[in-house]
Structures are given as C-alpha cells and as structure tokens.
Amino acid sequence: MAKQHRQPSAEICMRFSYNVRRLRLARGYTQRELAKRCGFIPSYIGNIEQGTENVTLATLETLMHGLECSEEDLFMRQAKAERGPMIAVAVPDPSPAPTSGRGNGRNEG
C-alpha cells in the first residue's frame, strides 16, 4: 500500500497553533525563550503558531515539556467567550482554484 500524505484539518491546525501561542503567552515566554527551552530556532515556533508546520509527535512532546503542559492543553477547544481573535492558518489546498469564467471583476449577487 502506497503512503498517503495527509494534511491535518484547518480546524485542528487553528486549535493547535492557537493553544501553543496562548500557553506561551500565559507563561510569559517570548518565541525566542520557548525555542531555547525546546531546542528549536525561534522561527520554527513562529511557524507553529501560524499553523504552517505539520509537527511530529516528537515535536509535540518537546513542546509539552517546554510549555509544561499536557497534550490535552495543546488540543483543547476554547469556549467562545474565552477566545480572542483567531489566528489565520495557512492550510494548503491540493485542488486548483475554480474559475468563474466571467472575468468582469464585479461582485454580482
């Protein structure tokens, strides 16, 4: 059976990246400080928080130690009242964008 390269859902990416950032800020760490605690480079932490990294289980475990949290903390859903502004997460779309064929640039609706 051939390997399939699956992408996580946008919802799980947003939840994970939101929680990494939330926990980092709650502990008063900068991205640089968390990166040092985990043995990562600071830009990697930034990419995780932006949702552009599909992390491994080893990275997940390292983040848990660096943030002193559980896996539940990294994946928990936030109550709507507790949520701040959502962080935009880039999730690659494997299908090409559909074209309308109109090309007039007007928004008709």
N, C-alpha and C. Protein backbone atom coordinates (compact mmCIF):
# COMPACT_ATOMS: atom_id res chain seq x y z
N MET A 1 0.84 -1.18 0.00
CA MET A 1 0.00 0.00 0.00
C MET A 1 0.89 1.25 0.00
N ALA A 2 0.61 2.17 -0.88
CA ALA A 2 1.41 3.38 -1.02
C ALA A 2 1.12 4.34 0.14
N LYS A 3 2.15 5.11 0.50
CA LYS A 3 1.97 6.12 1.54
C LYS A 3 1.07 7.23 1.04
N GLN A 4 0.22 7.70 1.91
CA GLN A 4 -0.61 8.86 1.59
C GLN A 4 -0.14 10.01 2.46
N HIS A 5 0.07 11.15 1.86
CA HIS A 5 0.48 12.33 2.61
C HIS A 5 -0.77 13.14 2.90
N ARG A 6 -1.24 13.00 4.10
CA ARG A 6 -2.47 13.68 4.50
C ARG A 6 -2.13 14.96 5.24
N GLN A 7 -2.98 15.92 5.06
CA GLN A 7 -2.85 17.19 5.76
C GLN A 7 -3.88 17.23 6.88
N PRO A 8 -3.51 17.81 8.03
CA PRO A 8 -4.49 17.95 9.10
C PRO A 8 -5.58 18.95 8.69
N SER A 9 -6.72 18.84 9.32
CA SER A 9 -7.82 19.75 9.02
C SER A 9 -7.46 21.17 9.46
N ALA A 10 -8.08 22.13 8.84
CA ALA A 10 -7.86 23.54 9.21
C ALA A 10 -8.25 23.77 10.66
N GLU A 11 -9.30 23.10 11.11
CA GLU A 11 -9.78 23.28 12.49
C GLU A 11 -8.73 22.82 13.49
N ILE A 12 -8.12 21.67 13.27
CA ILE A 12 -7.12 21.17 14.23
C ILE A 12 -5.86 22.02 14.17
N CYS A 13 -5.49 22.50 12.99
CA CYS A 13 -4.33 23.39 12.86
C CYS A 13 -4.55 24.68 13.64
N MET A 14 -5.74 25.26 13.49
CA MET A 14 -6.05 26.52 14.19
C MET A 14 -6.07 26.29 15.71
N ARG A 15 -6.67 25.19 16.13
CA ARG A 15 -6.76 24.91 17.57
C ARG A 15 -5.37 24.72 18.17
N PHE A 16 -4.53 23.92 17.50
CA PHE A 16 -3.19 23.67 18.00
C PHE A 16 -2.34 24.94 18.02
N SER A 17 -2.31 25.67 16.91
CA SER A 17 -1.48 26.87 16.85
C SER A 17 -1.97 27.92 17.84
N TYR A 18 -3.29 28.05 17.99
CA TYR A 18 -3.86 29.00 18.96
C TYR A 18 -3.40 28.63 20.38
N ASN A 19 -3.45 27.34 20.71
CA ASN A 19 -3.10 26.91 22.06
C ASN A 19 -1.61 27.02 22.34
N VAL A 20 -0.76 26.78 21.36
CA VAL A 20 0.68 26.96 21.58
C VAL A 20 0.95 28.43 21.92
N ARG A 21 0.37 29.32 21.14
CA ARG A 21 0.56 30.76 21.39
C ARG A 21 -0.04 31.17 22.74
N ARG A 22 -1.25 30.71 23.01
CA ARG A 22 -1.94 31.05 24.27
C ARG A 22 -1.13 30.60 25.48
N LEU A 23 -0.63 29.37 25.44
CA LEU A 23 0.15 28.83 26.56
C LEU A 23 1.49 29.54 26.69
N ARG A 24 2.12 29.84 25.56
CA ARG A 24 3.41 30.56 25.61
C ARG A 24 3.23 31.92 26.26
N LEU A 25 2.21 32.66 25.83
CA LEU A 25 1.97 33.99 26.38
C LEU A 25 1.56 33.92 27.86
N ALA A 26 0.76 32.91 28.22
CA ALA A 26 0.33 32.75 29.61
C ALA A 26 1.52 32.51 30.54
N ARG A 27 2.58 31.91 30.01
CA ARG A 27 3.78 31.64 30.81
C ARG A 27 4.80 32.77 30.71
N GLY A 28 4.49 33.77 29.90
CA GLY A 28 5.37 34.92 29.79
C GLY A 28 6.60 34.70 28.93
N TYR A 29 6.57 33.69 28.06
CA TYR A 29 7.71 33.39 27.21
C TYR A 29 7.60 34.13 25.89
N THR A 30 8.73 34.59 25.40
CA THR A 30 8.80 35.06 24.02
C THR A 30 8.98 33.83 23.14
N GLN A 31 8.83 34.00 21.84
CA GLN A 31 9.10 32.88 20.93
C GLN A 31 10.55 32.42 21.08
N ARG A 32 11.45 33.35 21.26
CA ARG A 32 12.86 33.02 21.42
C ARG A 32 13.09 32.20 22.69
N GLU A 33 12.43 32.59 23.79
CA GLU A 33 12.59 31.85 25.05
C GLU A 33 12.02 30.44 24.94
N LEU A 34 10.85 30.29 24.33
CA LEU A 34 10.27 28.96 24.17
C LEU A 34 11.15 28.11 23.26
N ALA A 35 11.66 28.72 22.20
CA ALA A 35 12.54 27.99 21.28
C ALA A 35 13.77 27.47 22.03
N LYS A 36 14.34 28.28 22.87
CA LYS A 36 15.53 27.88 23.64
C LYS A 36 15.18 26.73 24.60
N ARG A 37 14.03 26.82 25.24
CA ARG A 37 13.60 25.75 26.16
C ARG A 37 13.41 24.42 25.43
N CYS A 38 13.00 24.51 24.15
CA CYS A 38 12.69 23.31 23.37
C CYS A 38 13.84 22.85 22.48
N GLY A 39 14.86 23.68 22.31
CA GLY A 39 15.96 23.34 21.41
C GLY A 39 15.61 23.59 19.95
N PHE A 40 14.68 24.51 19.69
CA PHE A 40 14.27 24.88 18.34
C PHE A 40 14.80 26.26 18.00
N ILE A 41 14.71 26.64 16.74
CA ILE A 41 15.01 28.02 16.37
C ILE A 41 13.73 28.84 16.50
N PRO A 42 13.85 30.12 16.83
CA PRO A 42 12.65 30.93 17.06
C PRO A 42 11.67 30.95 15.89
N SER A 43 12.17 30.94 14.67
CA SER A 43 11.25 30.99 13.53
C SER A 43 10.38 29.73 13.45
N TYR A 44 10.88 28.61 13.98
CA TYR A 44 10.09 27.38 13.99
C TYR A 44 8.87 27.55 14.91
N ILE A 45 9.08 28.18 16.06
CA ILE A 45 7.95 28.45 16.97
C ILE A 45 6.95 29.37 16.27
N GLY A 46 7.44 30.38 15.57
CA GLY A 46 6.55 31.28 14.82
C GLY A 46 5.75 30.54 13.77
N ASN A 47 6.40 29.62 13.06
CA ASN A 47 5.70 28.83 12.05
C ASN A 47 4.64 27.93 12.67
N ILE A 48 4.95 27.35 13.83
CA ILE A 48 3.97 26.52 14.53
C ILE A 48 2.76 27.37 14.92
N GLU A 49 3.01 28.56 15.46
CA GLU A 49 1.92 29.44 15.88
C GLU A 49 1.11 29.96 14.70
N GLN A 50 1.71 30.02 13.52
CA GLN A 50 0.98 30.44 12.32
C GLN A 50 0.27 29.28 11.65
N GLY A 51 0.53 28.07 12.13
CA GLY A 51 -0.12 26.89 11.58
C GLY A 51 0.47 26.41 10.28
N THR A 52 1.71 26.77 9.99
CA THR A 52 2.34 26.36 8.73
C THR A 52 3.24 25.15 8.90
N GLU A 53 3.36 24.64 10.13
CA GLU A 53 4.18 23.44 10.38
C GLU A 53 3.27 22.28 10.75
N ASN A 54 3.49 21.15 10.12
CA ASN A 54 2.81 19.91 10.47
C ASN A 54 3.78 19.17 11.39
N VAL A 55 3.63 19.35 12.70
CA VAL A 55 4.62 18.87 13.67
C VAL A 55 4.54 17.36 13.86
N THR A 56 5.67 16.79 14.24
CA THR A 56 5.76 15.37 14.55
C THR A 56 5.36 15.14 16.01
N LEU A 57 5.19 13.88 16.36
CA LEU A 57 4.90 13.54 17.76
C LEU A 57 6.07 13.92 18.66
N ALA A 58 7.29 13.81 18.16
CA ALA A 58 8.46 14.20 18.95
C ALA A 58 8.44 15.70 19.24
N THR A 59 8.06 16.49 18.25
CA THR A 59 7.96 17.94 18.44
C THR A 59 6.84 18.26 19.42
N LEU A 60 5.73 17.56 19.30
CA LEU A 60 4.61 17.75 20.22
C LEU A 60 5.06 17.49 21.65
N GLU A 61 5.78 16.40 21.86
CA GLU A 61 6.27 16.07 23.20
C GLU A 61 7.25 17.13 23.71
N THR A 62 8.12 17.61 22.84
CA THR A 62 9.08 18.65 23.22
C THR A 62 8.36 19.94 23.62
N LEU A 63 7.32 20.30 22.86
CA LEU A 63 6.53 21.48 23.20
C LEU A 63 5.83 21.31 24.55
N MET A 64 5.33 20.11 24.82
CA MET A 64 4.67 19.85 26.11
C MET A 64 5.64 20.09 27.26
N HIS A 65 6.89 19.64 27.10
CA HIS A 65 7.89 19.85 28.15
C HIS A 65 8.26 21.33 28.25
N GLY A 66 8.46 21.97 27.10
CA GLY A 66 8.84 23.38 27.10
C GLY A 66 7.77 24.30 27.67
N LEU A 67 6.52 23.95 27.43
CA LEU A 67 5.39 24.75 27.93
C LEU A 67 4.86 24.24 29.26
N GLU A 68 5.41 23.12 29.72
CA GLU A 68 4.95 22.50 30.97
C GLU A 68 3.44 22.30 30.94
N CYS A 69 3.00 21.58 29.92
CA CYS A 69 1.57 21.35 29.74
C CYS A 69 1.33 19.92 29.26
N SER A 70 0.09 19.56 29.14
CA SER A 70 -0.28 18.23 28.65
C SER A 70 -0.71 18.32 27.19
N GLU A 71 -0.83 17.16 26.55
CA GLU A 71 -1.32 17.15 25.17
C GLU A 71 -2.76 17.68 25.11
N GLU A 72 -3.52 17.45 26.17
CA GLU A 72 -4.89 17.98 26.21
C GLU A 72 -4.88 19.51 26.14
N ASP A 73 -3.91 20.13 26.82
CA ASP A 73 -3.80 21.59 26.80
C ASP A 73 -3.55 22.10 25.39
N LEU A 74 -2.76 21.36 24.61
CA LEU A 74 -2.41 21.80 23.26
C LEU A 74 -3.55 21.61 22.25
N PHE A 75 -4.49 20.72 22.56
CA PHE A 75 -5.56 20.44 21.61
C PHE A 75 -6.95 20.79 22.12
N MET A 76 -7.04 21.38 23.32
CA MET A 76 -8.37 21.66 23.87
C MET A 76 -9.10 22.74 23.09
N ARG A 77 -10.40 22.60 23.06
CA ARG A 77 -11.25 23.60 22.43
C ARG A 77 -11.51 24.70 23.44
N GLN A 78 -11.50 25.91 22.98
CA GLN A 78 -11.77 27.05 23.83
C GLN A 78 -13.24 27.41 23.76
N ALA A 79 -13.80 27.80 24.91
CA ALA A 79 -15.17 28.31 24.90
C ALA A 79 -15.17 29.61 24.12
N LYS A 80 -16.25 29.90 23.41
CA LYS A 80 -16.30 31.10 22.57
C LYS A 80 -16.01 32.36 23.37
N ALA A 81 -16.48 32.42 24.60
CA ALA A 81 -16.26 33.60 25.43
C ALA A 81 -14.78 33.79 25.77
N GLU A 82 -14.00 32.70 25.80
CA GLU A 82 -12.58 32.79 26.15
C GLU A 82 -11.71 33.12 24.97
N ARG A 83 -12.22 32.94 23.76
CA ARG A 83 -11.41 33.13 22.56
C ARG A 83 -11.13 34.60 22.31
N GLY A 84 -9.90 34.85 21.92
CA GLY A 84 -9.55 36.16 21.41
C GLY A 84 -9.69 36.12 19.91
N PRO A 85 -9.06 37.04 19.22
CA PRO A 85 -9.09 36.99 17.76
C PRO A 85 -8.43 35.71 17.26
N MET A 86 -9.06 35.09 16.28
CA MET A 86 -8.50 33.86 15.72
C MET A 86 -7.26 34.18 14.89
N ILE A 87 -6.33 33.26 14.91
CA ILE A 87 -5.10 33.39 14.15
C ILE A 87 -5.33 32.75 12.78
N ALA A 88 -4.98 33.44 11.74
CA ALA A 88 -5.11 32.87 10.39
C ALA A 88 -4.09 31.76 10.23
N VAL A 89 -4.53 30.64 9.67
CA VAL A 89 -3.66 29.49 9.48
C VAL A 89 -3.65 29.13 8.01
N ALA A 90 -2.47 28.95 7.48
CA ALA A 90 -2.33 28.57 6.07
C ALA A 90 -2.41 27.06 5.96
N VAL A 91 -3.42 26.58 5.26
CA VAL A 91 -3.57 25.15 5.00
C VAL A 91 -3.56 24.97 3.50
N PRO A 92 -2.58 24.23 2.98
CA PRO A 92 -2.50 24.09 1.52
C PRO A 92 -3.72 23.36 0.97
N ASP A 93 -4.23 23.86 -0.13
CA ASP A 93 -5.36 23.25 -0.82
C ASP A 93 -4.81 22.48 -2.01
N PRO A 94 -4.97 21.15 -2.01
CA PRO A 94 -4.38 20.37 -3.10
C PRO A 94 -5.12 20.52 -4.43
N SER A 95 -6.34 21.05 -4.42
CA SER A 95 -7.09 21.19 -5.66
C SER A 95 -6.92 22.58 -6.24
N PRO A 96 -6.93 22.72 -7.57
CA PRO A 96 -6.80 24.05 -8.17
C PRO A 96 -8.05 24.88 -7.89
N ALA A 97 -7.86 26.19 -7.83
CA ALA A 97 -8.97 27.10 -7.57
C ALA A 97 -9.91 27.12 -8.77
N PRO A 98 -11.22 27.06 -8.52
CA PRO A 98 -12.17 27.11 -9.64
C PRO A 98 -12.19 28.51 -10.25
N THR A 99 -12.46 28.58 -11.52
CA THR A 99 -12.58 29.87 -12.19
C THR A 99 -14.02 30.09 -12.60
N SER A 100 -14.47 31.33 -12.54
CA SER A 100 -15.86 31.61 -12.85
C SER A 100 -16.09 31.78 -14.35
N GLY A 101 -15.04 32.19 -15.04
CA GLY A 101 -15.17 32.38 -16.48
C GLY A 101 -15.75 33.73 -16.85
N ARG A 102 -16.22 34.49 -15.84
CA ARG A 102 -16.83 35.81 -16.15
C ARG A 102 -15.76 36.85 -16.44
N GLY A 103 -14.81 36.98 -15.50
CA GLY A 103 -13.68 37.87 -15.73
C GLY A 103 -14.01 39.34 -15.74
N ASN A 104 -15.20 39.77 -15.29
CA ASN A 104 -15.52 41.19 -15.31
C ASN A 104 -15.11 41.89 -14.02
N GLY A 105 -14.74 41.13 -12.98
CA GLY A 105 -14.25 41.72 -11.74
C GLY A 105 -15.34 42.31 -10.85
N ARG A 106 -16.58 42.28 -11.28
CA ARG A 106 -17.66 42.82 -10.46
C ARG A 106 -18.22 41.72 -9.57
N ASN A 107 -18.65 42.13 -8.39
CA ASN A 107 -19.28 41.19 -7.47
C ASN A 107 -20.78 41.27 -7.69
N GLU A 108 -21.30 40.32 -8.40
CA GLU A 108 -22.74 40.31 -8.66
C GLU A 108 -23.39 39.31 -7.74
N GLY A 109 -24.47 39.68 -7.14
CA GLY A 109 -25.05 38.72 -6.24
C GLY A 109 -26.43 39.00 -6.00
